PDB file of N, CA and C in Angstrom:
ATOM      1  N   MET A   1     -85.854 -19.070 -14.217  1.00  0.00           N
ATOM      2  CA  MET A   1     -84.917 -18.692 -15.255  1.00  0.00           C
ATOM      3  C   MET A   1     -83.700 -19.606 -15.160  1.00  0.00           C
ATOM      4  N   ASP A   2     -83.294 -20.124 -16.282  1.00  0.00           N
ATOM      5  CA  ASP A   2     -82.134 -20.989 -16.361  1.00  0.00           C
ATOM      6  C   ASP A   2     -80.889 -20.132 -16.568  1.00  0.00           C
ATOM      7  N   THR A   3     -79.760 -20.562 -15.983  1.00  0.00           N
ATOM      8  CA  THR A   3     -78.536 -19.775 -16.144  1.00  0.00           C
ATOM      9  C   THR A   3     -78.076 -19.748 -17.592  1.00  0.00           C
ATOM     10  N   ASP A   4     -78.504 -20.712 -18.399  1.00  0.00           N
ATOM     11  CA  ASP A   4     -78.149 -20.689 -19.819  1.00  0.00           C
ATOM     12  C   ASP A   4     -78.730 -19.468 -20.510  1.00  0.00           C
ATOM     13  N   ASP A   5     -79.790 -18.889 -19.943  1.00  0.00           N
ATOM     14  CA  ASP A   5     -80.421 -17.716 -20.528  1.00  0.00           C
ATOM     15  C   ASP A   5     -79.601 -16.449 -20.343  1.00  0.00           C
ATOM     16  N   ILE A   6     -78.725 -16.414 -19.333  1.00  0.00           N
ATOM     17  CA  ILE A   6     -77.992 -15.185 -19.034  1.00  0.00           C
ATOM     18  C   ILE A   6     -76.492 -15.298 -19.264  1.00  0.00           C
ATOM     19  N   ALA A   7     -75.967 -16.500 -19.315  1.00  0.00           N
ATOM     20  CA  ALA A   7     -74.522 -16.675 -19.466  1.00  0.00           C
ATOM     21  C   ALA A   7     -74.207 -17.261 -20.835  1.00  0.00           C
ATOM     22  N   PRO A   8     -73.094 -16.824 -21.423  1.00  0.00           N
ATOM     23  CA  PRO A   8     -72.718 -17.417 -22.700  1.00  0.00           C
ATOM     24  C   PRO A   8     -72.301 -18.874 -22.485  1.00  0.00           C
ATOM     25  N   PRO A   9     -72.393 -19.696 -23.503  1.00  0.00           N
ATOM     26  CA  PRO A   9     -71.980 -21.090 -23.340  1.00  0.00           C
ATOM     27  C   PRO A   9     -70.490 -21.166 -23.034  1.00  0.00           C
ATOM     28  N   PRO A  10     -70.084 -22.058 -22.144  1.00  0.00           N
ATOM     29  CA  PRO A  10     -68.664 -22.137 -21.781  1.00  0.00           C
ATOM     30  C   PRO A  10     -67.817 -22.619 -22.954  1.00  0.00           C
ATOM     31  N   ARG A  11     -66.617 -22.063 -23.038  1.00  0.00           N
ATOM     32  CA  ARG A  11     -65.659 -22.504 -24.050  1.00  0.00           C
ATOM     33  C   ARG A  11     -65.031 -23.811 -23.575  1.00  0.00           C
ATOM     34  N   ALA A  12     -64.502 -24.566 -24.481  1.00  0.00           N
ATOM     35  CA  ALA A  12     -63.835 -25.819 -24.122  1.00  0.00           C
ATOM     36  C   ALA A  12     -62.693 -25.528 -23.158  1.00  0.00           C
ATOM     37  N   GLY A  13     -62.664 -26.207 -22.050  1.00  0.00           N
ATOM     38  CA  GLY A  13     -61.613 -26.019 -21.058  1.00  0.00           C
ATOM     39  C   GLY A  13     -61.789 -24.797 -20.180  1.00  0.00           C
ATOM     40  N   ASP A  14     -62.920 -24.102 -20.293  1.00  0.00           N
ATOM     41  CA  ASP A  14     -63.192 -22.911 -19.486  1.00  0.00           C
ATOM     42  C   ASP A  14     -63.361 -23.316 -18.022  1.00  0.00           C
ATOM     43  N   PRO A  15     -62.482 -22.836 -17.122  1.00  0.00           N
ATOM     44  CA  PRO A  15     -62.548 -23.258 -15.723  1.00  0.00           C
ATOM     45  C   PRO A  15     -63.884 -22.922 -15.046  1.00  0.00           C
ATOM     46  N   VAL A  16     -64.468 -21.781 -15.373  1.00  0.00           N
ATOM     47  CA  VAL A  16     -65.737 -21.401 -14.756  1.00  0.00           C
ATOM     48  C   VAL A  16     -66.844 -22.325 -15.248  1.00  0.00           C
ATOM     49  N   GLY A  17     -66.832 -22.626 -16.517  1.00  0.00           N
ATOM     50  CA  GLY A  17     -67.812 -23.551 -17.063  1.00  0.00           C
ATOM     51  C   GLY A  17     -67.686 -24.938 -16.463  1.00  0.00           C
ATOM     52  N   LEU A  18     -66.448 -25.376 -16.273  1.00  0.00           N
ATOM     53  CA  LEU A  18     -66.217 -26.683 -15.663  1.00  0.00           C
ATOM     54  C   LEU A  18     -66.684 -26.706 -14.214  1.00  0.00           C
ATOM     55  N   LEU A  19     -66.485 -25.604 -13.493  1.00  0.00           N
ATOM     56  CA  LEU A  19     -66.958 -25.530 -12.109  1.00  0.00           C
ATOM     57  C   LEU A  19     -68.469 -25.721 -12.029  1.00  0.00           C
ATOM     58  N   GLY A  20     -69.172 -25.110 -12.955  1.00  0.00           N
ATOM     59  CA  GLY A  20     -70.622 -25.193 -12.960  1.00  0.00           C
ATOM     60  C   GLY A  20     -71.153 -26.572 -13.292  1.00  0.00           C
ATOM     61  N   LYS A  21     -70.317 -27.397 -13.889  1.00  0.00           N
ATOM     62  CA  LYS A  21     -70.748 -28.742 -14.262  1.00  0.00           C
ATOM     63  C   LYS A  21     -70.366 -29.798 -13.230  1.00  0.00           C
ATOM     64  N   GLN A  22     -69.547 -29.443 -12.255  1.00  0.00           N
ATOM     65  CA  GLN A  22     -69.109 -30.426 -11.275  1.00  0.00           C
ATOM     66  C   GLN A  22     -70.274 -30.885 -10.406  1.00  0.00           C
ATOM     67  N   ASP A  23     -70.302 -32.183 -10.136  1.00  0.00           N
ATOM     68  CA  ASP A  23     -71.330 -32.763  -9.283  1.00  0.00           C
ATOM     69  C   ASP A  23     -70.979 -32.459  -7.828  1.00  0.00           C
ATOM     70  N   LEU A  24     -71.863 -31.763  -7.138  1.00  0.00           N
ATOM     71  CA  LEU A  24     -71.609 -31.388  -5.747  1.00  0.00           C
ATOM     72  C   LEU A  24     -72.133 -32.435  -4.759  1.00  0.00           C
ATOM     73  N   ASP A  25     -72.927 -33.390  -5.248  1.00  0.00           N
ATOM     74  CA  ASP A  25     -73.540 -34.383  -4.361  1.00  0.00           C
ATOM     75  C   ASP A  25     -72.536 -35.159  -3.505  1.00  0.00           C
ATOM     76  N   PRO A  26     -71.392 -35.571  -4.047  1.00  0.00           N
ATOM     77  CA  PRO A  26     -70.477 -36.359  -3.212  1.00  0.00           C
ATOM     78  C   PRO A  26     -69.707 -35.543  -2.163  1.00  0.00           C
ATOM     79  N   LEU A  27     -69.802 -34.224  -2.200  1.00  0.00           N
ATOM     80  CA  LEU A  27     -69.030 -33.388  -1.281  1.00  0.00           C
ATOM     81  C   LEU A  27     -69.725 -33.263   0.073  1.00  0.00           C
ATOM     82  N   SER A  28     -68.912 -33.270   1.110  1.00  0.00           N
ATOM     83  CA  SER A  28     -69.439 -33.070   2.463  1.00  0.00           C
ATOM     84  C   SER A  28     -69.683 -31.585   2.701  1.00  0.00           C
ATOM     85  N   VAL A  29     -70.369 -31.277   3.779  1.00  0.00           N
ATOM     86  CA  VAL A  29     -70.613 -29.879   4.133  1.00  0.00           C
ATOM     87  C   VAL A  29     -69.279 -29.155   4.315  1.00  0.00           C
ATOM     88  N   ARG A  30     -68.336 -29.812   4.946  1.00  0.00           N
ATOM     89  CA  ARG A  30     -67.013 -29.196   5.158  1.00  0.00           C
ATOM     90  C   ARG A  30     -66.319 -28.913   3.825  1.00  0.00           C
ATOM     91  N   GLU A  31     -66.418 -29.852   2.909  1.00  0.00           N
ATOM     92  CA  GLU A  31     -65.821 -29.647   1.588  1.00  0.00           C
ATOM     93  C   GLU A  31     -66.534 -28.526   0.828  1.00  0.00           C
ATOM     94  N   LEU A  32     -67.840 -28.456   0.954  1.00  0.00           N
ATOM     95  CA  LEU A  32     -68.589 -27.384   0.311  1.00  0.00           C
ATOM     96  C   LEU A  32     -68.222 -26.022   0.895  1.00  0.00           C
ATOM     97  N   GLU A  33     -68.030 -25.959   2.219  1.00  0.00           N
ATOM     98  CA  GLU A  33     -67.597 -24.709   2.852  1.00  0.00           C
ATOM     99  C   GLU A  33     -66.221 -24.297   2.341  1.00  0.00           C
ATOM    100  N   GLY A  34     -65.325 -25.257   2.195  1.00  0.00           N
ATOM    101  CA  GLY A  34     -63.997 -24.972   1.659  1.00  0.00           C
ATOM    102  C   GLY A  34     -64.064 -24.487   0.223  1.00  0.00           C
ATOM    103  N   ARG A  35     -64.949 -25.095  -0.546  1.00  0.00           N
ATOM    104  CA  ARG A  35     -65.135 -24.681  -1.938  1.00  0.00           C
ATOM    105  C   ARG A  35     -65.642 -23.243  -2.007  1.00  0.00           C
ATOM    106  N   ILE A  36     -66.621 -22.925  -1.168  1.00  0.00           N
ATOM    107  CA  ILE A  36     -67.159 -21.562  -1.126  1.00  0.00           C
ATOM    108  C   ILE A  36     -66.073 -20.569  -0.727  1.00  0.00           C
ATOM    109  N   ALA A  37     -65.273 -20.913   0.280  1.00  0.00           N
ATOM    110  CA  ALA A  37     -64.197 -20.017   0.719  1.00  0.00           C
ATOM    111  C   ALA A  37     -63.196 -19.777  -0.413  1.00  0.00           C
ATOM    112  N   ALA A  38     -62.856 -20.844  -1.141  1.00  0.00           N
ATOM    113  CA  ALA A  38     -61.907 -20.700  -2.253  1.00  0.00           C
ATOM    114  C   ALA A  38     -62.497 -19.828  -3.360  1.00  0.00           C
ATOM    115  N   LEU A  39     -63.771 -20.028  -3.662  1.00  0.00           N
ATOM    116  CA  LEU A  39     -64.415 -19.225  -4.702  1.00  0.00           C
ATOM    117  C   LEU A  39     -64.527 -17.762  -4.282  1.00  0.00           C
ATOM    118  N   GLU A  40     -64.848 -17.515  -3.014  1.00  0.00           N
ATOM    119  CA  GLU A  40     -64.919 -16.129  -2.528  1.00  0.00           C
ATOM    120  C   GLU A  40     -63.556 -15.456  -2.583  1.00  0.00           C
ATOM    121  N   ALA A  41     -62.495 -16.202  -2.270  1.00  0.00           N
ATOM    122  CA  ALA A  41     -61.139 -15.649  -2.359  1.00  0.00           C
ATOM    123  C   ALA A  41     -60.799 -15.313  -3.807  1.00  0.00           C
ATOM    124  N   GLU A  42     -61.210 -16.163  -4.738  1.00  0.00           N
ATOM    125  CA  GLU A  42     -60.946 -15.900  -6.150  1.00  0.00           C
ATOM    126  C   GLU A  42     -61.743 -14.701  -6.637  1.00  0.00           C
ATOM    127  N   ILE A  43     -62.969 -14.538  -6.159  1.00  0.00           N
ATOM    128  CA  ILE A  43     -63.771 -13.363  -6.511  1.00  0.00           C
ATOM    129  C   ILE A  43     -63.080 -12.096  -6.019  1.00  0.00           C
ATOM    130  N   ALA A  44     -62.582 -12.117  -4.786  1.00  0.00           N
ATOM    131  CA  ALA A  44     -61.889 -10.951  -4.231  1.00  0.00           C
ATOM    132  C   ALA A  44     -60.637 -10.630  -5.048  1.00  0.00           C
ATOM    133  N   ARG A  45     -59.888 -11.665  -5.428  1.00  0.00           N
ATOM    134  CA  ARG A  45     -58.676 -11.472  -6.229  1.00  0.00           C
ATOM    135  C   ARG A  45     -59.020 -10.874  -7.584  1.00  0.00           C
ATOM    136  N   THR A  46     -60.096 -11.357  -8.185  1.00  0.00           N
ATOM    137  CA  THR A  46     -60.516 -10.866  -9.488  1.00  0.00           C
ATOM    138  C   THR A  46     -60.981  -9.419  -9.408  1.00  0.00           C
ATOM    139  N   ARG A  47     -61.723  -9.081  -8.356  1.00  0.00           N
ATOM    140  CA  ARG A  47     -62.187  -7.698  -8.184  1.00  0.00           C
ATOM    141  C   ARG A  47     -61.017  -6.745  -7.972  1.00  0.00           C
ATOM    142  N   THR A  48     -60.016  -7.174  -7.216  1.00  0.00           N
ATOM    143  CA  THR A  48     -58.824  -6.359  -6.996  1.00  0.00           C
ATOM    144  C   THR A  48     -58.099  -6.115  -8.314  1.00  0.00           C
ATOM    145  N   HIS A  49     -57.970  -7.155  -9.103  1.00  0.00           N
ATOM    146  CA  HIS A  49     -57.308  -7.019 -10.401  1.00  0.00           C
ATOM    147  C   HIS A  49     -58.104  -6.082 -11.317  1.00  0.00           C
ATOM    148  N   MET A  50     -59.405  -6.226 -11.303  1.00  0.00           N
ATOM    149  CA  MET A  50     -60.260  -5.376 -12.132  1.00  0.00           C
ATOM    150  C   MET A  50     -60.143  -3.912 -11.700  1.00  0.00           C
ATOM    151  N   ALA A  51     -60.116  -3.652 -10.400  1.00  0.00           N
ATOM    152  CA  ALA A  51     -59.987  -2.281  -9.897  1.00  0.00           C
ATOM    153  C   ALA A  51     -58.653  -1.681 -10.331  1.00  0.00           C
ATOM    154  N   ARG A  52     -57.586  -2.489 -10.282  1.00  0.00           N
ATOM    155  CA  ARG A  52     -56.276  -2.003 -10.729  1.00  0.00           C
ATOM    156  C   ARG A  52     -56.301  -1.674 -12.216  1.00  0.00           C
ATOM    157  N   ALA A  53     -56.969  -2.518 -13.005  1.00  0.00           N
ATOM    158  CA  ALA A  53     -57.045  -2.285 -14.449  1.00  0.00           C
ATOM    159  C   ALA A  53     -57.815  -1.003 -14.748  1.00  0.00           C
ATOM    160  N   VAL A  54     -58.914  -0.777 -14.043  1.00  0.00           N
ATOM    161  CA  VAL A  54     -59.712   0.436 -14.246  1.00  0.00           C
ATOM    162  C   VAL A  54     -58.893   1.667 -13.859  1.00  0.00           C
ATOM    163  N   SER A  55     -58.185   1.580 -12.738  1.00  0.00           N
ATOM    164  CA  SER A  55     -57.361   2.691 -12.280  1.00  0.00           C
ATOM    165  C   SER A  55     -56.235   2.980 -13.276  1.00  0.00           C
ATOM    166  N   HIS A  56     -55.607   1.929 -13.743  1.00  0.00           N
ATOM    167  CA  HIS A  56     -54.520   2.086 -14.711  1.00  0.00           C
ATOM    168  C   HIS A  56     -55.035   2.759 -15.979  1.00  0.00           C
ATOM    169  N   ARG A  57     -56.206   2.346 -16.425  1.00  0.00           N
ATOM    170  CA  ARG A  57     -56.797   2.931 -17.626  1.00  0.00           C
ATOM    171  C   ARG A  57     -57.111   4.411 -17.409  1.00  0.00           C
ATOM    172  N   ALA A  58     -57.634   4.754 -16.226  1.00  0.00           N
ATOM    173  CA  ALA A  58     -57.964   6.153 -15.934  1.00  0.00           C
ATOM    174  C   ALA A  58     -56.707   7.011 -15.936  1.00  0.00           C
ATOM    175  N   VAL A  59     -55.627   6.487 -15.380  1.00  0.00           N
ATOM    176  CA  VAL A  59     -54.364   7.226 -15.375  1.00  0.00           C
ATOM    177  C   VAL A  59     -53.862   7.417 -16.802  1.00  0.00           C
ATOM    178  N   ALA A  60     -53.945   6.367 -17.605  1.00  0.00           N
ATOM    179  CA  ALA A  60     -53.492   6.471 -18.998  1.00  0.00           C
ATOM    180  C   ALA A  60     -54.361   7.461 -19.771  1.00  0.00           C
ATOM    181  N   ASP A  61     -55.670   7.393 -19.573  1.00  0.00           N
ATOM    182  CA  ASP A  61     -56.556   8.339 -20.253  1.00  0.00           C
ATOM    183  C   ASP A  61     -56.226   9.777 -19.860  1.00  0.00           C
ATOM    184  N   GLN A  62     -55.965   9.994 -18.591  1.00  0.00           N
ATOM    185  CA  GLN A  62     -55.626  11.341 -18.123  1.00  0.00           C
ATOM    186  C   GLN A  62     -54.290  11.795 -18.710  1.00  0.00           C
ATOM    187  N   LEU A  63     -53.347  10.897 -18.753  1.00  0.00           N
ATOM    188  CA  LEU A  63     -52.026  11.214 -19.297  1.00  0.00           C
ATOM    189  C   LEU A  63     -52.125  11.614 -20.773  1.00  0.00           C
ATOM    190  N   PHE A  64     -52.929  10.884 -21.514  1.00  0.00           N
ATOM    191  CA  PHE A  64     -53.054  11.147 -22.943  1.00  0.00           C
ATOM    192  C   PHE A  64     -54.291  11.985 -23.272  1.00  0.00           C
ATOM    193  N   LYS A  65     -54.941  12.484 -22.228  1.00  0.00           N
ATOM    194  CA  LYS A  65     -56.104  13.380 -22.346  1.00  0.00           C
ATOM    195  C   LYS A  65     -57.173  12.882 -23.304  1.00  0.00           C
ATOM    196  N   ARG A  66     -57.615  11.674 -23.042  1.00  0.00           N
ATOM    197  CA  ARG A  66     -58.694  11.100 -23.866  1.00  0.00           C
ATOM    198  C   ARG A  66     -60.020  11.577 -23.397  1.00  0.00           C
TER     199      ARG A  66
END
């Protein structure tokens, strides 16, 4: 299965789309490990933000009894 089958086409200037197009061949193992660490940190940051948004929405729904 190709990732094009499950992901929407990247928008112009989309950072995630650009990441997927970068050539990894010139990177050393150390550079690849650093890249993975940075991406994992960004995933954690995004999940934290998403959890806060869900919590905020639940509080608002409860406040306004939706």
